[in-house]
Amino acid sequence: MARLIAALVRHGEYHQLPDTPSAHQPYPLNAEGRQQALAAADEFGTVISDNGWALDPVIDSSQMLRAWETAGIFASRLAGVTGNDIGIESYDALAERSVGCAANLSITQIGTILRDDPRVTEPPADWKADSYYRLPLQGAESLMEAGRRVAAHLEQAMAAFPRGGRDRLKMFVGHGAAFRHAAHHMGVLEPEQIRQLSMYHCQPVLIEYLPEGQWRHVGGDWKVRESYSEFTD
């Protein structure tokens, strides 16, 4: 029976606003991020060839520009490995956690908004890293909710593939915290590991979708945090 493997890729480094917890920033990769994607794509092409995997011809990407650019670099480089064109489809479902109407405001600005709103209580000191906390603002979600959304997209995409023929690999390009929380919902990471681990920029983490509907980590390294009091995208 053919194996089905999902490659989870965190986008490369990008032009990020300082002290701004929103991951919905519309900025492109910086020079280092482009180099990260180029190097990782070439290395991953060798992994695909060595394993004889059939690469799905569509990469699923977050709508964020940095993710789409990362996916585009992978698509361009891997087309030379597979001999086929590789397309990109972007999905809201693969976005990082939303802070809703506070998108792209600074931490100080968000704090002021919450203090001035008589309906809300003060958030916990580590609210940005709290997996279960949701800002009391329109459109906001918790990290766990974002992870559940990403996990549902991954499962739907992988469950659609037949089990016959060659082992198949499909790429998903998105965001570190959402992927880690998705991995928890998929039974791959324990709750305490979400804070302990991160993802390297552009380095695929490989998760196999098993016939019974379960998942297991089969390749690619999680990044161990030196300090995990905060999440950054």
Protein backbone atom coordinates (compact mmCIF):
# COMPACT_ATOMS: atom_id res chain seq x y z
CA MET A 1 0.00 0.00 0.00
CA ALA A 2 1.37 3.39 -0.97
CA ARG A 3 2.36 5.82 1.76
CA LEU A 4 0.88 9.34 1.95
CA ILE A 5 3.24 11.94 3.39
CA ALA A 6 2.54 15.60 4.13
CA ALA A 7 5.50 18.00 4.09
CA LEU A 8 4.87 20.95 6.44
CA VAL A 9 7.01 23.95 5.50
CA ARG A 10 7.27 27.14 7.52
CA HIS A 11 7.83 30.17 5.28
CA GLY A 12 11.21 31.92 5.12
CA GLU A 13 12.16 34.99 7.10
CA TYR A 14 10.34 38.15 6.04
CA HIS A 15 10.05 41.91 6.56
CA GLN A 16 8.21 41.72 9.88
CA LEU A 17 6.96 44.69 11.89
CA PRO A 18 8.65 44.84 15.33
CA ASP A 19 6.64 44.22 18.50
CA THR A 20 3.60 43.29 16.44
CA PRO A 21 1.99 39.95 17.38
CA SER A 22 -0.24 39.67 14.33
CA ALA A 23 0.89 36.97 11.90
CA HIS A 24 -1.31 38.46 9.17
CA GLN A 25 1.35 40.93 8.06
CA PRO A 26 1.29 41.44 4.26
CA TYR A 27 5.03 41.70 3.73
CA PRO A 28 7.35 39.66 1.47
CA LEU A 29 10.36 37.50 2.20
CA ASN A 30 13.59 39.32 2.88
CA ALA A 31 16.87 38.35 1.20
CA GLU A 32 17.68 35.80 3.90
CA GLY A 33 14.23 34.25 3.58
CA ARG A 34 14.64 33.79 -0.15
CA GLN A 35 18.01 32.12 0.37
CA GLN A 36 16.50 29.84 3.02
CA ALA A 37 13.82 28.74 0.58
CA LEU A 38 16.26 28.19 -2.30
CA ALA A 39 18.65 26.10 -0.22
CA ALA A 40 15.87 24.06 1.40
CA ALA A 41 14.13 23.41 -1.93
CA ASP A 42 17.31 22.08 -3.55
CA GLU A 43 18.03 19.86 -0.55
CA PHE A 44 14.46 18.58 -0.47
CA GLY A 45 14.56 17.78 -4.17
CA THR A 46 17.34 15.32 -3.42
CA VAL A 47 15.28 13.75 -0.62
CA ILE A 48 12.31 13.31 -2.95
CA SER A 49 14.45 11.70 -5.66
CA ASP A 50 16.28 9.41 -3.24
CA ASN A 51 12.99 8.12 -1.82
CA GLY A 52 11.23 7.79 -5.17
CA TRP A 53 8.25 9.79 -3.95
CA ALA A 54 5.61 11.07 -6.37
CA LEU A 55 5.30 14.79 -5.62
CA ASP A 56 1.77 16.12 -5.88
CA PRO A 57 1.71 18.80 -8.61
CA VAL A 58 -0.02 21.38 -6.39
CA ILE A 59 1.47 23.00 -3.29
CA ASP A 60 -1.11 24.22 -0.78
CA SER A 61 -0.08 27.59 0.66
CA SER A 62 -1.28 30.13 3.17
CA GLN A 63 -2.64 33.33 1.63
CA MET A 64 0.16 35.36 3.28
CA LEU A 65 2.65 36.72 0.72
CA ARG A 66 5.69 35.27 2.50
CA ALA A 67 4.17 31.77 2.37
CA TRP A 68 3.15 32.13 -1.27
CA GLU A 69 6.65 33.32 -2.20
CA THR A 70 8.20 30.40 -0.31
CA ALA A 71 5.88 27.98 -2.10
CA GLY A 72 6.79 29.56 -5.42
CA ILE A 73 10.50 29.01 -4.86
CA PHE A 74 9.89 25.37 -3.94
CA ALA A 75 7.64 24.93 -6.98
CA SER A 76 10.24 26.35 -9.33
CA ARG A 77 13.15 24.32 -7.99
CA LEU A 78 11.25 21.05 -7.59
CA ALA A 79 9.85 21.23 -11.12
CA GLY A 80 13.37 20.55 -12.28
CA VAL A 81 13.43 17.40 -10.17
CA THR A 82 10.04 16.01 -11.18
CA GLY A 83 10.05 17.24 -14.78
CA ASN A 84 6.52 18.57 -14.30
CA ASP A 85 5.10 22.02 -13.61
CA ILE A 86 4.06 22.55 -10.01
CA GLY A 87 1.20 24.89 -9.18
CA ILE A 88 0.25 26.76 -6.02
CA GLU A 89 -3.19 27.06 -4.46
CA SER A 90 -3.65 29.48 -1.55
CA TYR A 91 -6.04 28.89 1.34
CA ASP A 92 -7.29 30.98 4.24
CA ALA A 93 -7.40 27.73 6.23
CA LEU A 94 -3.58 27.59 6.36
CA ALA A 95 -3.16 31.03 7.93
CA GLU A 96 -1.52 31.61 11.29
CA ARG A 97 -3.63 32.50 14.35
CA SER A 98 -5.68 35.67 13.80
CA VAL A 99 -5.83 38.45 16.36
CA GLY A 100 -8.91 39.75 14.58
CA CYS A 101 -9.53 43.48 14.44
CA ALA A 102 -6.19 44.04 16.23
CA ALA A 103 -4.31 42.81 13.15
CA ASN A 104 -0.96 44.55 12.69
CA LEU A 105 -1.28 46.72 15.77
CA SER A 106 1.63 46.82 18.20
CA ILE A 107 1.60 45.08 21.57
CA THR A 108 1.31 48.50 23.24
CA GLN A 109 -1.64 49.48 21.06
CA ILE A 110 -3.45 46.22 21.77
CA GLY A 111 -2.85 46.67 25.49
CA THR A 112 -4.34 50.16 25.36
CA ILE A 113 -7.42 48.93 23.48
CA LEU A 114 -8.06 46.21 26.05
CA ARG A 115 -7.58 48.54 29.02
CA ASP A 116 -9.99 51.07 27.51
CA ASP A 117 -12.70 48.49 26.86
CA PRO A 118 -14.88 48.12 29.98
CA ARG A 119 -16.21 44.78 28.74
CA VAL A 120 -12.94 42.87 28.98
CA THR A 121 -10.55 41.78 31.69
CA GLU A 122 -6.78 42.10 31.50
CA PRO A 123 -5.23 39.27 29.44
CA PRO A 124 -2.64 36.93 30.96
CA ALA A 125 0.93 38.19 30.80
CA ASP A 126 1.91 35.50 28.28
CA TRP A 127 -1.26 35.71 26.19
CA LYS A 128 0.66 35.57 22.89
CA ALA A 129 2.01 32.11 23.83
CA ASP A 130 -1.09 30.81 25.61
CA SER A 131 -2.47 28.08 23.37
CA TYR A 132 -6.01 28.45 24.67
CA TYR A 133 -6.35 32.22 25.06
CA ARG A 134 -8.37 34.18 22.51
CA LEU A 135 -8.26 37.97 22.50
CA PRO A 136 -11.75 39.33 23.29
CA LEU A 137 -11.84 41.12 19.96
CA GLN A 138 -13.87 40.65 16.79
CA GLY A 139 -12.43 37.92 14.57
CA ALA A 140 -9.75 36.73 16.99
CA GLU A 141 -8.99 33.06 17.57
CA SER A 142 -6.79 31.03 19.89
CA LEU A 143 -3.71 29.14 18.77
CA MET A 144 -5.56 25.87 19.39
CA GLU A 145 -8.43 27.01 17.19
CA ALA A 146 -5.98 27.94 14.44
CA GLY A 147 -4.31 24.55 14.75
CA ARG A 148 -7.64 22.75 14.48
CA ARG A 149 -8.41 24.69 11.30
CA VAL A 150 -5.05 23.76 9.76
CA ALA A 151 -5.35 20.11 10.84
CA ALA A 152 -8.76 19.86 9.16
CA HIS A 153 -7.31 21.16 5.90
CA LEU A 154 -4.41 18.71 6.04
CA GLU A 155 -6.65 15.74 6.73
CA GLN A 156 -9.11 16.64 3.99
CA ALA A 157 -6.33 17.08 1.44
CA MET A 158 -4.53 13.84 2.30
CA ALA A 159 -7.68 11.72 2.65
CA ALA A 160 -8.57 12.54 -0.97
CA PHE A 161 -5.55 10.64 -2.35
CA PRO A 162 -5.82 6.98 -3.41
CA ARG A 163 -3.58 4.46 -1.69
CA GLY A 164 -2.38 2.72 -4.86
CA GLY A 165 0.79 3.27 -6.88
CA ARG A 166 3.91 5.06 -5.68
CA ASP A 167 4.35 6.70 -2.31
CA ARG A 168 2.95 10.22 -2.60
CA LEU A 169 4.13 13.44 -0.98
CA LYS A 170 2.16 16.70 -0.81
CA MET A 171 3.59 20.02 0.34
CA PHE A 172 1.88 22.55 2.59
CA VAL A 173 3.50 25.96 3.16
CA GLY A 174 2.30 27.98 6.12
CA HIS A 175 3.22 29.10 9.60
CA GLY A 176 5.07 27.62 12.54
CA ALA A 177 2.67 27.99 15.45
CA ALA A 178 -0.37 26.92 13.44
CA PHE A 179 1.47 23.86 12.13
CA ARG A 180 2.62 22.87 15.63
CA HIS A 181 -0.87 23.21 17.06
CA ALA A 182 -2.21 21.26 14.09
CA ALA A 183 0.35 18.55 14.84
CA HIS A 184 -1.04 18.37 18.37
CA HIS A 185 -4.60 17.93 17.07
CA MET A 186 -3.25 15.22 14.75
CA GLY A 187 -1.73 13.32 17.68
CA VAL A 188 1.87 14.04 16.64
CA LEU A 189 2.86 16.47 19.43
CA GLU A 190 1.99 16.40 23.11
CA PRO A 191 0.64 19.64 24.65
CA GLU A 192 3.90 20.44 26.45
CA GLN A 193 5.88 20.00 23.24
CA ILE A 194 4.07 22.87 21.51
CA ARG A 195 6.00 25.43 23.55
CA GLN A 196 9.20 23.44 23.63
CA LEU A 197 9.46 23.14 19.86
CA SER A 198 9.47 25.45 16.87
CA MET A 199 10.08 24.98 13.14
CA TYR A 200 13.12 25.90 11.09
CA HIS A 201 12.42 28.32 8.28
CA CYS A 202 11.73 26.42 5.04
CA GLN A 203 12.86 23.03 6.41
CA PRO A 204 10.10 20.45 5.80
CA VAL A 205 8.70 18.39 8.66
CA LEU A 206 7.27 15.15 7.27
CA ILE A 207 4.06 13.69 8.70
CA GLU A 208 2.67 10.43 7.35
CA TYR A 209 -1.09 9.99 7.01
CA LEU A 210 -1.73 6.37 7.99
CA PRO A 211 -4.50 4.16 6.55
CA GLU A 212 -6.35 4.21 9.88
CA GLY A 213 -6.59 8.01 9.75
CA GLN A 214 -3.80 8.54 12.26
CA TRP A 215 -0.60 10.54 11.76
CA ARG A 216 3.05 10.01 12.64
CA HIS A 217 6.21 12.08 12.33
CA VAL A 218 8.52 10.36 9.84
CA GLY A 219 11.15 12.94 8.90
CA GLY A 220 12.49 16.46 9.28
CA ASP A 221 13.56 17.98 12.59
CA TRP A 222 11.51 20.17 14.86
CA LYS A 223 13.53 23.07 16.24
CA VAL A 224 14.10 22.93 20.00
CA ARG A 225 13.59 26.32 21.61
CA GLU A 226 16.25 27.77 23.88
CA SER A 227 13.48 29.79 25.50
CA TYR A 228 9.81 29.21 24.80
CA SER A 229 8.01 31.94 26.71
CA GLU A 230 6.81 33.53 23.47
CA PHE A 231 5.62 32.40 20.05
CA THR A 232 6.69 34.17 16.91
CA ASP A 233 5.39 33.28 13.50
